[in-house]
Protein backbone atom coordinates (compact mmCIF):
# COMPACT_ATOMS: atom_id res chain seq x y z
CA UNK A 1 73.66 -51.35 -131.65
CA UNK A 2 72.04 -50.12 -128.46
CA UNK A 3 73.89 -49.20 -125.29
CA UNK A 4 73.35 -47.78 -121.84
CA UNK A 5 75.18 -47.22 -118.59
CA UNK A 6 73.96 -47.90 -115.08
CA UNK A 7 75.14 -47.51 -111.53
CA UNK A 8 75.18 -50.60 -109.34
CA UNK A 9 75.20 -50.32 -105.57
CA UNK A 10 76.68 -53.00 -103.37
CA UNK A 11 74.54 -51.84 -100.45
CA UNK A 12 70.96 -50.61 -100.73
CA UNK A 13 69.01 -48.93 -103.46
CA UNK A 14 69.11 -45.50 -105.07
CA UNK A 15 65.32 -45.41 -105.42
CA UNK A 16 63.12 -43.04 -103.46
CA UNK A 17 61.08 -44.29 -100.54
CA UNK A 18 57.96 -42.57 -99.33
CA UNK A 19 56.18 -42.89 -96.00
CA UNK A 20 52.76 -41.70 -94.97
CA UNK A 21 52.67 -39.87 -91.69
CA UNK A 22 49.75 -38.54 -89.77
CA UNK A 23 50.12 -34.80 -89.16
CA UNK A 24 49.08 -35.27 -85.53
CA UNK A 25 51.99 -37.60 -84.83
CA UNK A 26 55.24 -35.72 -85.44
CA UNK A 27 57.60 -38.36 -84.02
CA UNK A 28 59.43 -40.60 -86.46
CA UNK A 29 58.84 -44.31 -86.21
CA UNK A 30 61.71 -46.82 -86.63
CA UNK A 31 60.48 -47.95 -90.08
CA UNK A 32 60.68 -44.33 -91.28
CA UNK A 33 64.41 -44.01 -90.56
CA UNK A 34 67.02 -45.62 -92.77
CA UNK A 35 70.58 -46.03 -91.55
CA UNK A 36 73.25 -44.77 -93.90
CA UNK A 37 76.80 -45.90 -94.43
CA UNK A 38 79.69 -43.56 -95.05
CA UNK A 39 82.31 -43.64 -97.81
CA UNK A 40 80.08 -44.64 -100.70
CA UNK A 41 79.71 -48.34 -99.86
CA UNK A 42 80.78 -49.71 -103.21
CA UNK A 43 79.00 -48.00 -106.10
CA UNK A 44 80.21 -48.80 -109.58
CA UNK A 45 79.13 -47.60 -113.01
CA UNK A 46 79.09 -50.04 -115.92
CA UNK A 47 78.39 -49.59 -119.61
CA UNK A 48 77.26 -52.29 -122.01
CA UNK A 49 75.83 -52.79 -125.47
CA UNK A 50 73.85 -55.27 -127.53
CA UNK A 51 73.25 -55.82 -131.20
CA UNK A 52 70.94 -57.83 -133.38
CA UNK A 53 73.73 -60.43 -133.54
CA UNK A 54 74.32 -60.69 -129.78
CA UNK A 55 75.68 -58.86 -126.77
CA UNK A 56 78.70 -56.65 -127.18
CA UNK A 57 81.41 -55.60 -124.80
CA UNK A 58 80.83 -54.18 -121.34
CA UNK A 59 83.13 -51.95 -119.35
CA UNK A 60 83.63 -50.41 -115.94
CA UNK A 61 83.57 -46.62 -115.84
CA UNK A 62 85.82 -45.44 -113.03
CA UNK A 63 84.72 -41.81 -112.84
CA UNK A 64 81.75 -39.76 -113.87
CA UNK A 65 81.16 -40.03 -117.60
CA UNK A 66 82.28 -36.97 -119.55
CA UNK A 67 82.95 -36.31 -123.24
CA UNK A 68 86.51 -37.66 -123.13
CA UNK A 69 85.39 -40.84 -121.32
CA UNK A 70 82.56 -41.23 -123.83
CA UNK A 71 85.03 -41.10 -126.72
CA UNK A 72 87.13 -43.77 -124.98
CA UNK A 73 84.06 -46.00 -124.67
CA UNK A 74 83.12 -45.41 -128.30
CA UNK A 75 86.62 -46.13 -129.52
CA UNK A 76 87.46 -49.08 -127.25
CA UNK A 77 84.11 -50.86 -126.95
CA UNK A 78 81.57 -49.74 -129.56
CA UNK A 79 83.95 -50.09 -132.49
CA UNK A 80 85.39 -53.32 -131.06
CA UNK A 81 81.92 -54.83 -130.73
CA UNK A 82 80.99 -53.68 -134.23
CA UNK A 83 84.13 -55.26 -135.64
CA UNK A 84 83.66 -58.48 -133.61
CA UNK A 85 80.31 -59.07 -135.30
CA UNK A 86 81.70 -57.94 -138.69
CA UNK A 87 79.03 -55.28 -139.02
CA UNK A 88 79.33 -53.10 -142.11
CA UNK A 89 80.62 -49.65 -141.07
CA UNK A 90 78.61 -48.06 -143.91
CA UNK A 91 75.26 -49.30 -142.54
CA UNK A 92 76.14 -49.37 -138.84
CA UNK A 93 73.72 -47.36 -136.67
CA UNK A 94 74.52 -46.34 -133.11
CA UNK A 95 71.75 -44.19 -131.57
CA UNK A 96 72.29 -41.96 -128.56
CA UNK A 97 69.86 -40.47 -126.05
CA UNK A 98 70.77 -36.78 -126.45
CA UNK A 99 72.46 -36.63 -123.05
CA UNK A 100 74.83 -33.67 -122.97
CA UNK A 101 77.87 -35.96 -122.85
CA UNK A 102 76.78 -37.59 -126.14
CA UNK A 103 75.99 -34.31 -127.88
CA UNK A 104 79.28 -32.62 -126.98
CA UNK A 105 81.07 -31.24 -130.04
CA UNK A 106 84.15 -33.47 -129.66
CA UNK A 107 81.96 -36.58 -129.37
CA UNK A 108 79.93 -35.63 -132.43
CA UNK A 109 83.15 -34.97 -134.36
CA UNK A 110 84.50 -38.39 -133.38
């Protein structure tokens, strides 16, 4: 089973934008200025997984992911998806990307 989380923005992109400017001209041009919106504008974080047998569960993560939230995801969604596809717990493999939240002691113990 493979999984990942991503942040989805209702307005705009989180990617970087670069502009070339001539050193002689110090004034900003309209295309170099991006308006911003206050109060977050609807960002959400979602987590999902897929297996050889098909897609697994997905979930909305309401706050920043931490070790306790990661255990909740593992317990509520990873194990549920594994059981849905009747995958053998003895041969089940769930890799992680060595992010600090995944390598926390309580997560590793779980």
